[in-house]
Amino acid sequence: MNGGVIALAIAGVVGFLAGAYLASAGERSTGIALMAMGLIFQVLCLRQLKLAKTKDIDDAGR
């Protein structure tokens, strides 16, 4: 796991939490946009982790 994957995970969590706070504090559209971006970052992080896992499995068989 490299720094990019960790950065995506942190950006996803922070974005979602900031969006949830803003949505509950009154800035509904901005909060929803930040939550959506946080979820996108989380999906990208999970995709990178899945690719790294399959690469490790493929490399172990050689």
C-alpha atoms as a PDB file:
ATOM      1  CA  MET A   1       0.000   0.000   0.000  1.00  0.00           C
ATOM      2  CA  ASN A   2       1.514   3.303  -1.025  1.00  0.00           C
ATOM      3  CA  GLY A   3       0.933   6.889   0.027  1.00  0.00           C
ATOM      4  CA  GLY A   4      -1.628   7.527  -2.695  1.00  0.00           C
ATOM      5  CA  VAL A   5      -3.982   4.892  -1.338  1.00  0.00           C
ATOM      6  CA  ILE A   6      -3.685   6.287   2.172  1.00  0.00           C
ATOM      7  CA  ALA A   7      -4.299   9.809   0.860  1.00  0.00           C
ATOM      8  CA  LEU A   8      -7.441   8.650  -0.956  1.00  0.00           C
ATOM      9  CA  ALA A   9      -8.731   6.961   2.195  1.00  0.00           C
ATOM     10  CA  ILE A  10      -8.107  10.021   4.351  1.00  0.00           C
ATOM     11  CA  ALA A  11      -9.596  12.380   1.750  1.00  0.00           C
ATOM     12  CA  GLY A  12     -12.683  10.177   1.535  1.00  0.00           C
ATOM     13  CA  VAL A  13     -13.271  10.071   5.268  1.00  0.00           C
ATOM     14  CA  VAL A  14     -12.589  13.780   5.796  1.00  0.00           C
ATOM     15  CA  GLY A  15     -14.712  14.774   2.806  1.00  0.00           C
ATOM     16  CA  PHE A  16     -17.639  12.674   3.925  1.00  0.00           C
ATOM     17  CA  LEU A  17     -17.479  13.895   7.521  1.00  0.00           C
ATOM     18  CA  ALA A  18     -17.180  17.542   6.467  1.00  0.00           C
ATOM     19  CA  GLY A  19     -20.093  17.061   4.094  1.00  0.00           C
ATOM     20  CA  ALA A  20     -22.230  15.483   6.792  1.00  0.00           C
ATOM     21  CA  TYR A  21     -21.459  18.373   9.129  1.00  0.00           C
ATOM     22  CA  LEU A  22     -22.245  21.005   6.510  1.00  0.00           C
ATOM     23  CA  ALA A  23     -25.441  19.244   5.456  1.00  0.00           C
ATOM     24  CA  SER A  24     -26.671  19.188   9.046  1.00  0.00           C
ATOM     25  CA  ALA A  25     -25.561  22.775   9.734  1.00  0.00           C
ATOM     26  CA  GLY A  26     -27.620  24.298   6.934  1.00  0.00           C
ATOM     27  CA  GLU A  27     -25.435  24.265   3.807  1.00  0.00           C
ATOM     28  CA  ARG A  28     -27.309  21.323   2.371  1.00  0.00           C
ATOM     29  CA  SER A  29     -26.156  21.387  -1.264  1.00  0.00           C
ATOM     30  CA  THR A  30     -22.494  21.939  -0.358  1.00  0.00           C
ATOM     31  CA  GLY A  31     -22.653  19.163   2.217  1.00  0.00           C
ATOM     32  CA  ILE A  32     -24.179  16.721  -0.217  1.00  0.00           C
ATOM     33  CA  ALA A  33     -21.517  17.565  -2.806  1.00  0.00           C
ATOM     34  CA  LEU A  34     -18.733  16.969  -0.265  1.00  0.00           C
ATOM     35  CA  MET A  35     -20.271  13.678   0.838  1.00  0.00           C
ATOM     36  CA  ALA A  36     -20.459  12.549  -2.787  1.00  0.00           C
ATOM     37  CA  MET A  37     -16.815  13.469  -3.342  1.00  0.00           C
ATOM     38  CA  GLY A  38     -15.865  11.596  -0.165  1.00  0.00           C
ATOM     39  CA  LEU A  39     -17.635   8.484  -1.395  1.00  0.00           C
ATOM     40  CA  ILE A  40     -15.903   8.769  -4.769  1.00  0.00           C
ATOM     41  CA  PHE A  41     -12.524   8.942  -3.026  1.00  0.00           C
ATOM     42  CA  GLN A  42     -13.420   5.863  -0.993  1.00  0.00           C
ATOM     43  CA  VAL A  43     -14.402   3.938  -4.132  1.00  0.00           C
ATOM     44  CA  LEU A  44     -11.114   4.902  -5.773  1.00  0.00           C
ATOM     45  CA  CYS A  45      -9.234   3.778  -2.680  1.00  0.00           C
ATOM     46  CA  LEU A  46     -11.010   0.409  -2.633  1.00  0.00           C
ATOM     47  CA  ARG A  47     -10.300  -0.013  -6.354  1.00  0.00           C
ATOM     48  CA  GLN A  48      -6.587   0.608  -5.782  1.00  0.00           C
ATOM     49  CA  LEU A  49      -6.544  -1.859  -2.877  1.00  0.00           C
ATOM     50  CA  LYS A  50      -8.259  -4.508  -4.998  1.00  0.00           C
ATOM     51  CA  LEU A  51      -5.760  -4.002  -7.828  1.00  0.00           C
ATOM     52  CA  ALA A  52      -2.850  -4.226  -5.398  1.00  0.00           C
ATOM     53  CA  LYS A  53      -4.242  -7.426  -3.890  1.00  0.00           C
ATOM     54  CA  THR A  54      -4.657  -9.152  -7.251  1.00  0.00           C
ATOM     55  CA  LYS A  55      -1.177  -8.010  -8.275  1.00  0.00           C
ATOM     56  CA  ASP A  56       0.274  -9.540  -5.090  1.00  0.00           C
ATOM     57  CA  ILE A  57      -1.562 -12.803  -5.729  1.00  0.00           C
ATOM     58  CA  ASP A  58      -0.349 -12.901  -9.333  1.00  0.00           C
ATOM     59  CA  ASP A  59       3.234 -12.158  -8.297  1.00  0.00           C
ATOM     60  CA  ALA A  60       3.201 -14.861  -5.594  1.00  0.00           C
ATOM     61  CA  GLY A  61       2.505 -17.565  -8.155  1.00  0.00           C
ATOM     62  CA  ARG A  62       5.633 -16.830 -10.153  1.00  0.00           C
END
